[in-house]
Amino acid sequence: MQGIVMKTPDQLPPHTVTDLSAEYLPLSEAVNRLSEGMWGGLPRPDPVVLVKQSNEKLSVGFGPWREKAGRLLRVAAVKGKLAIYVLAKNQIRSGGHDLTLDASAMPEPASVPASVIERLIRSRGSLPDHPIRPSMQTAEGNEKLFVMLTVGLLVVQASDFEGWYHSERAKGRWPSQRAKTKKNGRPTRQTEALENAILALVNDLKWSGKDGIAALHRLLITSGRSDVPSQDTVARLVDQLHSKTGDMKLLRVPRARQKQTR
């Protein structure tokens, strides 16, 4: 089912949290914690509700929420706001060649430069625990870093992550914080009443994401509402509703632009 992430023991990476000192977190664990903070307290998305109805004890997550959290963490690392390290095993055979690393010579995780992080292959916009097909070019010619990226696990320092996490939360921009009353600035045009109006049109089968934002904007205006914002604002609200509910009828389908003829 789209958007569902099953959390089963056999899907855990070769390294687990117990393999590390409490000082470090694998990226997957950091992303899970960030996702819980960004979306915690919101109603379960529809795909998760359907799965939990058949098996309440099954541990599942909502893929789009986790992907957004992973992208936010990666951007922070690329901008130098959060340091990422790589922890390597003693010895692993890769591609027919023995890549050996003396653990006594490098017992601590090595810092990965932001420029290298930017080069690492992403999975759905974020970084996996184990780098995907790193190369010497990825490691910017640093052979030791290349070896560690090839056999290692990407981690963050727990204390660094906690500090960055709280600084992001203090901005008050997470979906889980939308219920907070803004004391400064203009009132938001993305109101709960407007959300309910859009959801009503979707549930009554009068509009879906494939119909386009312009059609939704017209429906809201012709319904007699006086609080309809610009099409761009409505589009952002629809995207937020899709992320929050997981309702595929809210998923906007990008339309191919027609080439202009001269």
Protein backbone atom coordinates (compact mmCIF):
# COMPACT_ATOMS: atom_id res chain seq x y z
CA MET A 1 0.00 0.00 0.00
CA GLN A 2 1.35 3.37 -1.03
CA GLY A 3 2.84 5.50 1.72
CA ILE A 4 3.11 2.68 4.26
CA VAL A 5 6.46 1.81 5.86
CA MET A 6 6.49 -1.52 7.69
CA LYS A 7 8.87 -1.72 10.65
CA THR A 8 9.91 -5.35 11.01
CA PRO A 9 13.05 -6.83 12.66
CA ASP A 10 14.35 -8.33 9.42
CA GLN A 11 14.45 -4.89 7.83
CA LEU A 12 16.88 -3.48 10.36
CA PRO A 13 20.31 -2.52 8.95
CA PRO A 14 23.40 -4.65 9.77
CA HIS A 15 24.36 -2.06 12.39
CA THR A 16 21.75 -1.32 15.02
CA VAL A 17 21.58 1.29 17.76
CA THR A 18 22.98 -1.24 20.23
CA ASP A 19 26.15 -1.56 18.10
CA LEU A 20 26.92 2.09 18.70
CA SER A 21 27.85 4.07 21.69
CA ALA A 22 24.90 6.02 23.07
CA GLU A 23 26.77 9.02 21.73
CA TYR A 24 25.66 8.35 18.13
CA LEU A 25 22.41 7.70 16.25
CA PRO A 26 22.08 6.01 12.84
CA LEU A 27 20.48 8.38 10.34
CA SER A 28 17.34 6.23 10.19
CA GLU A 29 16.83 6.61 13.94
CA ALA A 30 17.39 10.37 13.75
CA VAL A 31 14.88 10.63 10.89
CA ASN A 32 12.31 8.60 12.84
CA ARG A 33 12.65 10.92 15.84
CA LEU A 34 12.40 14.00 13.64
CA SER A 35 9.32 12.62 11.87
CA GLU A 36 7.60 11.94 15.18
CA GLY A 37 8.26 15.52 16.25
CA MET A 38 7.10 17.03 12.96
CA TRP A 39 3.89 15.02 12.70
CA GLY A 40 3.24 13.70 16.23
CA GLY A 41 -0.25 14.25 17.60
CA LEU A 42 -1.92 14.49 14.17
CA PRO A 43 -4.60 11.96 13.17
CA ARG A 44 -3.26 8.85 11.48
CA PRO A 45 -3.22 9.13 7.66
CA ASP A 46 -5.86 7.03 5.88
CA PRO A 47 -3.43 4.35 4.57
CA VAL A 48 -2.10 3.76 8.10
CA VAL A 49 -5.64 3.57 9.52
CA LEU A 50 -6.56 0.87 6.98
CA VAL A 51 -3.53 -1.26 7.85
CA LYS A 52 -4.00 -0.86 11.61
CA GLN A 53 -7.65 -1.94 11.32
CA SER A 54 -6.52 -5.41 10.30
CA ASN A 55 -3.55 -5.61 12.67
CA GLU A 56 -3.45 -3.05 15.48
CA LYS A 57 -0.15 -4.43 16.85
CA LEU A 58 1.68 -4.02 13.54
CA SER A 59 4.26 -1.23 13.66
CA VAL A 60 3.83 0.96 10.59
CA GLY A 61 4.80 4.45 9.56
CA PHE A 62 3.66 6.87 6.86
CA GLY A 63 6.24 7.11 4.10
CA PRO A 64 5.63 10.73 2.98
CA TRP A 65 6.06 12.01 6.55
CA ARG A 66 9.33 10.17 6.96
CA GLU A 67 10.59 11.32 3.55
CA LYS A 68 9.96 14.98 4.42
CA ALA A 69 11.85 14.53 7.69
CA GLY A 70 14.73 12.84 5.87
CA ARG A 71 14.99 15.65 3.34
CA LEU A 72 15.00 18.26 6.11
CA LEU A 73 17.83 16.46 7.91
CA ARG A 74 19.89 16.11 4.72
CA VAL A 75 19.49 19.81 3.86
CA ALA A 76 20.64 20.73 7.37
CA ALA A 77 23.75 18.57 6.89
CA VAL A 78 24.52 20.05 3.45
CA LYS A 79 24.22 23.57 4.91
CA GLY A 80 26.57 22.65 7.75
CA LYS A 81 23.92 22.94 10.47
CA LEU A 82 24.19 19.27 11.49
CA ALA A 83 27.34 17.12 11.30
CA ILE A 84 27.15 13.62 9.81
CA TYR A 85 29.75 10.95 10.56
CA VAL A 86 30.54 7.54 9.10
CA LEU A 87 31.30 4.53 11.27
CA ALA A 88 33.10 1.64 9.53
CA LYS A 89 33.42 -2.06 10.33
CA ASN A 90 36.79 -3.76 10.68
CA GLN A 91 36.76 -5.61 7.38
CA ILE A 92 34.22 -6.15 4.61
CA ARG A 93 34.74 -7.57 1.12
CA SER A 94 33.26 -5.33 -1.59
CA GLY A 95 33.25 -5.74 -5.36
CA GLY A 96 35.82 -8.53 -5.30
CA HIS A 97 38.36 -6.41 -3.43
CA ASP A 98 39.29 -6.54 0.22
CA LEU A 99 38.74 -3.20 1.90
CA THR A 100 40.40 -3.31 5.28
CA LEU A 101 40.24 -0.77 8.04
CA ASP A 102 42.15 -1.02 11.29
CA ALA A 103 39.61 -0.26 14.03
CA SER A 104 42.38 0.59 16.49
CA ALA A 105 43.68 3.21 14.07
CA MET A 106 40.29 4.86 13.66
CA PRO A 107 37.96 3.85 16.54
CA GLU A 108 35.72 6.90 16.27
CA PRO A 109 33.36 7.81 13.41
CA ALA A 110 34.92 10.15 10.85
CA SER A 111 33.25 13.43 9.95
CA VAL A 112 31.78 13.56 6.43
CA PRO A 113 32.29 16.98 4.77
CA ALA A 114 29.13 18.80 3.68
CA SER A 115 30.38 18.78 0.08
CA VAL A 116 30.61 14.96 0.19
CA ILE A 117 27.16 14.67 1.78
CA GLU A 118 25.79 16.68 -1.13
CA ARG A 119 27.34 14.17 -3.57
CA LEU A 120 25.95 11.04 -1.85
CA ILE A 121 23.11 9.29 -3.69
CA ARG A 122 19.73 9.96 -2.12
CA SER A 123 16.83 7.59 -1.62
CA ARG A 124 13.51 9.46 -1.97
CA GLY A 125 15.31 12.71 -1.23
CA SER A 126 17.07 11.61 1.95
CA LEU A 127 20.18 9.64 2.88
CA PRO A 128 20.04 5.95 3.86
CA ASP A 129 22.07 4.52 6.74
CA HIS A 130 24.50 2.87 4.31
CA PRO A 131 25.78 5.10 1.46
CA ILE A 132 24.65 3.96 -1.99
CA ARG A 133 27.49 3.11 -4.38
CA PRO A 134 30.04 5.67 -3.14
CA SER A 135 33.05 6.33 -5.37
CA MET A 136 36.42 8.01 -5.06
CA GLN A 137 34.88 10.98 -6.84
CA THR A 138 32.12 11.08 -4.23
CA ALA A 139 34.76 11.07 -1.51
CA GLU A 140 36.65 13.83 -3.35
CA GLY A 141 39.76 11.67 -3.71
CA ASN A 142 40.02 10.87 0.02
CA GLU A 143 40.83 7.13 -0.03
CA LYS A 144 40.29 6.54 3.69
CA LEU A 145 36.90 8.29 3.57
CA PHE A 146 35.99 6.29 0.45
CA VAL A 147 36.74 3.02 2.26
CA MET A 148 34.65 4.06 5.25
CA LEU A 149 31.75 5.16 3.07
CA THR A 150 31.90 1.85 1.23
CA VAL A 151 31.72 -0.31 4.36
CA GLY A 152 30.25 2.05 6.91
CA LEU A 153 27.15 3.43 8.54
CA LEU A 154 26.10 7.09 8.52
CA VAL A 155 25.39 8.49 11.98
CA VAL A 156 24.84 11.76 13.82
CA GLN A 157 26.05 12.68 17.26
CA ALA A 158 23.09 12.42 19.64
CA SER A 159 23.87 15.70 21.42
CA ASP A 160 24.26 17.56 18.09
CA PHE A 161 20.98 16.14 16.84
CA GLU A 162 19.10 17.11 20.01
CA GLY A 163 20.38 20.68 19.78
CA TRP A 164 19.45 20.99 16.10
CA TYR A 165 16.07 19.30 16.70
CA HIS A 166 15.11 21.79 19.40
CA SER A 167 16.25 24.75 17.31
CA GLU A 168 14.03 23.56 14.42
CA ARG A 169 11.11 22.97 16.75
CA ALA A 170 11.48 26.46 18.20
CA LYS A 171 10.68 27.91 14.76
CA GLY A 172 7.11 26.64 15.17
CA ARG A 173 6.76 25.58 11.51
CA TRP A 174 6.06 21.87 11.93
CA PRO A 175 2.61 20.48 11.02
CA SER A 176 2.25 19.29 14.62
CA GLN A 177 2.56 22.92 15.74
CA ARG A 178 -0.05 24.44 13.41
CA ALA A 179 -2.62 24.53 16.19
CA LYS A 180 -0.54 27.13 18.05
CA THR A 181 -1.90 30.65 17.88
CA LYS A 182 0.39 33.08 16.07
CA LYS A 183 1.02 36.18 18.11
CA ASN A 184 2.83 38.14 15.40
CA GLY A 185 2.33 38.66 11.68
CA ARG A 186 -0.70 38.41 9.45
CA PRO A 187 -3.36 35.76 10.16
CA THR A 188 -2.94 32.72 7.92
CA ARG A 189 -5.24 32.37 4.91
CA GLN A 190 -4.96 28.57 5.24
CA THR A 191 -7.76 28.28 7.80
CA GLU A 192 -9.42 25.18 9.24
CA ALA A 193 -12.71 26.30 7.65
CA LEU A 194 -11.06 26.37 4.22
CA GLU A 195 -9.52 22.94 4.84
CA ASN A 196 -12.96 21.55 5.69
CA ALA A 197 -14.46 23.12 2.55
CA ILE A 198 -11.80 21.46 0.36
CA LEU A 199 -12.24 18.09 2.07
CA ALA A 200 -16.03 18.36 1.61
CA LEU A 201 -15.59 18.89 -2.15
CA VAL A 202 -13.26 15.89 -2.30
CA ASN A 203 -15.55 13.63 -0.26
CA ASP A 204 -18.56 14.68 -2.37
CA LEU A 205 -16.56 13.72 -5.51
CA LYS A 206 -16.82 17.26 -6.86
CA TRP A 207 -13.05 17.69 -7.09
CA SER A 208 -9.83 15.67 -6.97
CA GLY A 209 -6.16 16.43 -7.47
CA LYS A 210 -6.28 15.39 -11.15
CA ASP A 211 -8.75 18.24 -11.86
CA GLY A 212 -6.17 20.92 -11.10
CA ILE A 213 -6.01 23.83 -8.67
CA ALA A 214 -7.73 26.29 -11.01
CA ALA A 215 -10.88 24.15 -10.97
CA LEU A 216 -10.79 23.92 -7.17
CA HIS A 217 -10.27 27.66 -6.88
CA ARG A 218 -13.37 28.29 -9.06
CA LEU A 219 -15.48 25.87 -7.01
CA LEU A 220 -14.52 27.60 -3.77
CA ILE A 221 -15.35 31.04 -5.18
CA THR A 222 -18.69 29.99 -6.73
CA SER A 223 -19.70 28.39 -3.42
CA GLY A 224 -19.96 31.94 -2.07
CA ARG A 225 -16.95 31.85 0.24
CA SER A 226 -15.33 35.18 1.02
CA ASP A 227 -12.07 33.73 2.41
CA VAL A 228 -10.67 32.13 -0.77
CA PRO A 229 -6.95 33.00 -1.14
CA SER A 230 -4.81 32.89 -4.28
CA GLN A 231 -4.41 29.71 -6.33
CA ASP A 232 -0.83 29.34 -5.05
CA THR A 233 -2.05 29.42 -1.45
CA VAL A 234 -4.81 26.91 -2.22
CA ALA A 235 -2.22 24.64 -3.88
CA ARG A 236 -0.01 24.73 -0.79
CA LEU A 237 -3.01 23.93 1.40
CA VAL A 238 -3.96 20.95 -0.77
CA ASP A 239 -0.38 19.63 -0.58
CA GLN A 240 -0.42 19.98 3.20
CA LEU A 241 -3.76 18.17 3.43
CA HIS A 242 -2.41 15.33 1.29
CA SER A 243 0.69 15.03 3.49
CA LYS A 244 -1.44 15.10 6.63
CA THR A 245 -4.21 12.70 5.60
CA GLY A 246 -2.58 10.50 2.98
CA ASP A 247 -5.76 10.78 0.88
CA MET A 248 -4.71 10.00 -2.70
CA LYS A 249 -7.64 12.05 -4.06
CA LEU A 250 -5.73 15.12 -2.84
CA LEU A 251 -2.58 14.23 -4.77
CA ARG A 252 -2.02 16.82 -7.47
CA VAL A 253 -0.97 15.48 -10.86
CA PRO A 254 1.59 17.77 -12.54
CA ARG A 255 0.51 18.75 -16.01
CA ALA A 256 3.05 18.82 -18.82
CA ARG A 257 3.57 22.32 -20.15
CA GLN A 258 2.81 22.77 -23.81
CA LYS A 259 5.72 23.96 -25.89
CA GLN A 260 5.23 27.39 -27.32
CA THR A 261 5.37 27.58 -31.09
CA ARG A 262 6.88 30.53 -32.85
